[in-house]
Each structure stands twice: as C-alpha cells, then as structure tokens.
C-alpha cells in the first residue's frame, strides 16, 4: 500500500482535514488557523489544486479580493483512501 504523497505532507493533510469539515474556507481563515506564511499556504494550496483535490474560488467582498477553497469530490475520496491506508498500517502494527 502506498500513501498519497500530495496529502501525506503534514500541512497539506491539515488543509484537507479542515476543508473536509466545512463547506469552504477562505485564505485568511486557513492562514491564521495553520499559522503559515502567505507564500507557504499558497504553495501548498497550489499542489492540492493541481491534484484536483480542491477548488479555488476568487471573488470580491466589496472592493477587497477574497479567495476561498472547497474540497472537491476527488479530494474527499483521496482523503478517505488515505485514512484507510493509515488504518491498514495501524492494524499491521497491532497484529
């Protein structure tokens, strides 16, 4: 069994876990929740987006730009598979 290298990176796993629990989250929420720099968060989000795991939505709140993220079905499935693989490894350790 092999772990998804895109999700296995700790920051990206945390992003996926947050998005799995909400309908969507904006950039500033993720930035403060994860205590990352803007550049660091942007880079991790780009990796997840290029894998098709999340959708980026750009809009405006008045004149202020707003970027939000939503977990896609492919991302939900990949995260579920990641947990299944992790559980399988845990079971091997318990045997």
N, C-alpha and C. Protein backbone atom coordinates (compact mmCIF):
# COMPACT_ATOMS: atom_id res chain seq x y z
N UNK A 1 0.84 -1.17 0.00
CA UNK A 1 0.00 0.00 0.00
C UNK A 1 0.89 1.23 0.00
N UNK A 2 0.42 2.25 -0.69
CA UNK A 2 1.22 3.46 -0.83
C UNK A 2 0.39 4.67 -0.41
N UNK A 3 1.03 5.58 0.29
CA UNK A 3 0.34 6.80 0.71
C UNK A 3 0.44 7.85 -0.38
N UNK A 4 -0.64 8.60 -0.54
CA UNK A 4 -0.70 9.70 -1.49
C UNK A 4 0.28 10.78 -1.03
N UNK A 5 1.34 11.00 -1.80
CA UNK A 5 2.39 11.94 -1.41
C UNK A 5 1.89 13.38 -1.36
N UNK A 6 0.87 13.69 -2.12
CA UNK A 6 0.31 15.05 -2.08
C UNK A 6 -0.34 15.30 -0.72
N UNK A 7 -1.09 14.35 -0.23
CA UNK A 7 -1.79 14.50 1.04
C UNK A 7 -0.88 14.22 2.23
N UNK A 8 0.07 13.36 2.07
CA UNK A 8 0.90 12.90 3.19
C UNK A 8 1.73 14.01 3.83
N UNK A 9 2.02 15.07 3.09
CA UNK A 9 2.76 16.21 3.64
C UNK A 9 1.89 16.82 4.75
N UNK A 10 2.43 17.01 5.96
CA UNK A 10 1.62 17.42 7.12
C UNK A 10 0.76 18.67 6.92
N UNK A 11 1.29 19.72 6.31
CA UNK A 11 0.49 20.93 6.13
C UNK A 11 -0.67 20.66 5.18
N UNK A 12 -0.41 19.94 4.10
CA UNK A 12 -1.49 19.65 3.15
C UNK A 12 -2.54 18.73 3.77
N UNK A 13 -2.12 17.80 4.61
CA UNK A 13 -3.07 16.94 5.31
C UNK A 13 -3.96 17.79 6.21
N UNK A 14 -3.38 18.75 6.91
CA UNK A 14 -4.16 19.63 7.78
C UNK A 14 -5.15 20.47 6.97
N UNK A 15 -4.72 20.97 5.82
CA UNK A 15 -5.63 21.74 4.95
C UNK A 15 -6.80 20.86 4.53
N UNK A 16 -6.50 19.65 4.10
CA UNK A 16 -7.55 18.72 3.67
C UNK A 16 -8.51 18.40 4.81
N UNK A 17 -7.98 18.21 6.00
CA UNK A 17 -8.84 17.90 7.16
C UNK A 17 -9.76 19.06 7.49
N UNK A 18 -9.23 20.28 7.42
CA UNK A 18 -10.07 21.45 7.68
C UNK A 18 -11.17 21.54 6.64
N UNK A 19 -10.81 21.42 5.37
CA UNK A 19 -11.80 21.55 4.30
C UNK A 19 -12.82 20.42 4.31
N UNK A 20 -12.44 19.27 4.83
CA UNK A 20 -13.40 18.16 4.92
C UNK A 20 -14.50 18.45 5.95
N UNK A 21 -14.22 19.37 6.87
CA UNK A 21 -15.19 19.66 7.93
C UNK A 21 -16.04 20.89 7.69
N UNK A 22 -15.80 21.61 6.60
CA UNK A 22 -16.56 22.83 6.30
C UNK A 22 -16.97 22.85 4.84
N UNK A 23 -17.92 23.70 4.52
CA UNK A 23 -18.34 23.81 3.12
C UNK A 23 -17.24 24.48 2.30
N UNK A 24 -16.63 25.52 2.88
CA UNK A 24 -15.49 26.19 2.25
C UNK A 24 -14.77 27.01 3.31
N UNK A 25 -13.53 27.36 3.04
CA UNK A 25 -12.75 28.18 3.96
C UNK A 25 -11.97 29.19 3.15
N UNK A 26 -11.87 30.40 3.67
CA UNK A 26 -11.12 31.41 2.92
C UNK A 26 -9.65 31.42 3.32
N UNK A 27 -8.88 32.12 2.49
CA UNK A 27 -7.43 32.16 2.64
C UNK A 27 -7.03 32.63 4.03
N UNK A 28 -7.63 33.71 4.51
CA UNK A 28 -7.25 34.26 5.81
C UNK A 28 -7.57 33.30 6.96
N UNK A 29 -8.67 32.59 6.85
CA UNK A 29 -9.00 31.60 7.88
C UNK A 29 -7.93 30.51 7.93
N UNK A 30 -7.56 29.97 6.77
CA UNK A 30 -6.52 28.94 6.73
C UNK A 30 -5.18 29.50 7.20
N UNK A 31 -4.88 30.71 6.81
CA UNK A 31 -3.62 31.35 7.18
C UNK A 31 -3.48 31.44 8.70
N UNK A 32 -4.50 31.93 9.37
CA UNK A 32 -4.42 32.08 10.83
C UNK A 32 -4.57 30.74 11.55
N UNK A 33 -5.43 29.87 11.05
CA UNK A 33 -5.64 28.57 11.69
C UNK A 33 -4.38 27.71 11.64
N UNK A 34 -3.68 27.76 10.52
CA UNK A 34 -2.50 26.91 10.32
C UNK A 34 -1.18 27.60 10.70
N UNK A 35 -1.25 28.90 11.00
CA UNK A 35 -0.05 29.68 11.37
C UNK A 35 1.05 29.57 10.32
N UNK A 36 0.68 29.80 9.07
CA UNK A 36 1.63 29.73 7.96
C UNK A 36 1.88 31.12 7.41
N UNK A 37 2.92 31.25 6.60
CA UNK A 37 3.12 32.48 5.84
C UNK A 37 2.21 32.43 4.62
N UNK A 38 1.96 33.57 4.04
CA UNK A 38 1.12 33.63 2.85
C UNK A 38 1.70 32.78 1.71
N UNK A 39 3.00 32.90 1.51
CA UNK A 39 3.65 32.14 0.44
C UNK A 39 3.60 30.65 0.67
N UNK A 40 3.80 30.24 1.92
CA UNK A 40 3.78 28.82 2.25
C UNK A 40 2.39 28.25 2.01
N UNK A 41 1.36 28.94 2.49
CA UNK A 41 -0.01 28.47 2.29
C UNK A 41 -0.34 28.41 0.80
N UNK A 42 0.03 29.45 0.07
CA UNK A 42 -0.25 29.49 -1.37
C UNK A 42 0.36 28.29 -2.09
N UNK A 43 1.59 27.97 -1.76
CA UNK A 43 2.28 26.86 -2.42
C UNK A 43 1.60 25.52 -2.13
N UNK A 44 1.20 25.30 -0.89
CA UNK A 44 0.53 24.05 -0.54
C UNK A 44 -0.84 23.95 -1.23
N UNK A 45 -1.56 25.05 -1.26
CA UNK A 45 -2.86 25.07 -1.92
C UNK A 45 -2.71 24.80 -3.41
N UNK A 46 -1.67 25.36 -4.02
CA UNK A 46 -1.42 25.11 -5.45
C UNK A 46 -1.23 23.62 -5.72
N UNK A 47 -0.48 22.95 -4.85
CA UNK A 47 -0.26 21.50 -5.02
C UNK A 47 -1.59 20.74 -4.95
N UNK A 48 -2.42 21.10 -3.97
CA UNK A 48 -3.71 20.42 -3.82
C UNK A 48 -4.64 20.72 -4.98
N UNK A 49 -4.61 21.95 -5.45
CA UNK A 49 -5.44 22.32 -6.60
C UNK A 49 -4.99 21.60 -7.86
N UNK A 50 -3.68 21.53 -8.08
CA UNK A 50 -3.19 20.88 -9.30
C UNK A 50 -3.48 19.37 -9.28
N UNK A 51 -3.64 18.79 -8.10
CA UNK A 51 -4.01 17.38 -7.99
C UNK A 51 -5.52 17.19 -8.17
N UNK A 52 -6.26 18.29 -8.24
CA UNK A 52 -7.71 18.21 -8.40
C UNK A 52 -8.44 17.95 -7.10
N UNK A 53 -7.76 18.19 -5.97
CA UNK A 53 -8.35 17.90 -4.66
C UNK A 53 -9.17 19.05 -4.10
N UNK A 54 -8.88 20.25 -4.54
CA UNK A 54 -9.69 21.37 -4.06
C UNK A 54 -9.93 22.37 -5.16
N UNK A 55 -10.98 23.15 -4.96
CA UNK A 55 -11.41 24.16 -5.92
C UNK A 55 -11.11 25.52 -5.31
N UNK A 56 -10.55 26.40 -6.11
CA UNK A 56 -10.24 27.76 -5.68
C UNK A 56 -11.30 28.69 -6.27
N UNK A 57 -11.88 29.51 -5.40
CA UNK A 57 -12.90 30.46 -5.84
C UNK A 57 -12.43 31.86 -5.48
N UNK A 58 -12.27 32.71 -6.49
CA UNK A 58 -11.85 34.09 -6.26
C UNK A 58 -13.05 35.00 -6.46
N UNK A 59 -13.23 35.91 -5.50
CA UNK A 59 -14.35 36.84 -5.57
C UNK A 59 -13.95 38.14 -4.88
N UNK A 60 -14.91 39.04 -4.73
CA UNK A 60 -14.67 40.29 -4.04
C UNK A 60 -15.71 40.48 -2.95
N UNK A 61 -15.27 40.96 -1.81
CA UNK A 61 -16.16 41.44 -0.74
C UNK A 61 -16.06 42.95 -0.79
N UNK A 62 -17.00 43.57 -1.49
CA UNK A 62 -16.86 45.00 -1.78
C UNK A 62 -15.71 45.16 -2.75
N UNK A 63 -14.70 45.90 -2.33
CA UNK A 63 -13.52 46.10 -3.18
C UNK A 63 -12.36 45.21 -2.77
N UNK A 64 -12.55 44.42 -1.73
CA UNK A 64 -11.49 43.56 -1.22
C UNK A 64 -11.55 42.19 -1.88
N UNK A 65 -10.43 41.73 -2.45
CA UNK A 65 -10.41 40.38 -3.03
C UNK A 65 -10.52 39.31 -1.95
N UNK A 66 -11.18 38.23 -2.28
CA UNK A 66 -11.36 37.13 -1.34
C UNK A 66 -11.14 35.81 -2.10
N UNK A 67 -10.31 34.96 -1.54
CA UNK A 67 -10.05 33.65 -2.13
C UNK A 67 -10.53 32.60 -1.14
N UNK A 68 -11.36 31.70 -1.62
CA UNK A 68 -11.83 30.62 -0.75
C UNK A 68 -11.58 29.28 -1.43
N UNK A 69 -11.61 28.24 -0.62
CA UNK A 69 -11.27 26.89 -1.08
C UNK A 69 -12.36 25.92 -0.65
N UNK A 70 -12.59 24.96 -1.51
CA UNK A 70 -13.59 23.94 -1.24
C UNK A 70 -13.02 22.58 -1.64
N UNK A 71 -13.22 21.59 -0.81
CA UNK A 71 -12.77 20.24 -1.11
C UNK A 71 -13.63 19.66 -2.22
N UNK A 72 -13.00 19.14 -3.24
CA UNK A 72 -13.71 18.51 -4.35
C UNK A 72 -13.98 17.04 -4.02
N UNK A 73 -14.86 16.42 -4.79
CA UNK A 73 -15.17 15.01 -4.57
C UNK A 73 -13.91 14.15 -4.68
N UNK A 74 -13.05 14.46 -5.64
CA UNK A 74 -11.80 13.72 -5.79
C UNK A 74 -10.94 13.86 -4.54
N UNK A 75 -10.94 15.04 -3.93
CA UNK A 75 -10.19 15.26 -2.70
C UNK A 75 -10.77 14.49 -1.53
N UNK A 76 -12.09 14.47 -1.45
CA UNK A 76 -12.76 13.70 -0.38
C UNK A 76 -12.43 12.22 -0.49
N UNK A 77 -12.47 11.71 -1.71
CA UNK A 77 -12.16 10.29 -1.93
C UNK A 77 -10.70 10.00 -1.60
N UNK A 78 -9.81 10.91 -2.00
CA UNK A 78 -8.38 10.71 -1.73
C UNK A 78 -8.10 10.74 -0.23
N UNK A 79 -8.77 11.63 0.48
CA UNK A 79 -8.59 11.71 1.93
C UNK A 79 -9.13 10.45 2.61
N UNK A 80 -10.29 9.98 2.16
CA UNK A 80 -10.85 8.74 2.72
C UNK A 80 -9.91 7.56 2.48
N UNK A 81 -9.34 7.48 1.28
CA UNK A 81 -8.39 6.41 0.96
C UNK A 81 -7.14 6.55 1.81
N UNK A 82 -6.69 7.76 2.05
CA UNK A 82 -5.51 8.00 2.90
C UNK A 82 -5.75 7.42 4.30
N UNK A 83 -6.93 7.73 4.87
CA UNK A 83 -7.25 7.22 6.22
C UNK A 83 -7.35 5.70 6.22
N UNK A 84 -7.92 5.11 5.16
CA UNK A 84 -8.00 3.65 5.07
C UNK A 84 -6.61 3.03 5.05
N UNK A 85 -5.71 3.63 4.28
CA UNK A 85 -4.34 3.13 4.22
C UNK A 85 -3.65 3.27 5.58
N UNK A 86 -3.88 4.38 6.24
CA UNK A 86 -3.28 4.58 7.56
C UNK A 86 -3.82 3.56 8.56
N UNK A 87 -5.12 3.31 8.51
CA UNK A 87 -5.71 2.30 9.39
C UNK A 87 -5.14 0.91 9.12
N UNK A 88 -4.90 0.61 7.85
CA UNK A 88 -4.33 -0.69 7.49
C UNK A 88 -2.92 -0.83 8.07
N UNK A 89 -2.15 0.23 8.01
CA UNK A 89 -0.80 0.19 8.59
C UNK A 89 -0.89 0.04 10.11
N UNK A 90 -1.81 0.72 10.73
CA UNK A 90 -2.00 0.60 12.18
C UNK A 90 -2.37 -0.83 12.56
N UNK A 91 -3.22 -1.46 11.76
CA UNK A 91 -3.64 -2.84 12.04
C UNK A 91 -2.46 -3.79 11.94
N UNK A 92 -1.56 -3.54 11.01
CA UNK A 92 -0.36 -4.38 10.89
C UNK A 92 0.47 -4.30 12.16
N UNK A 93 0.53 -3.11 12.74
CA UNK A 93 1.31 -2.91 13.96
C UNK A 93 0.67 -3.55 15.17
N UNK A 94 -0.63 -3.75 15.13
CA UNK A 94 -1.36 -4.36 16.25
C UNK A 94 -1.34 -5.88 16.20
N UNK A 95 -0.97 -6.43 15.05
CA UNK A 95 -1.01 -7.89 14.87
C UNK A 95 0.14 -8.56 15.57
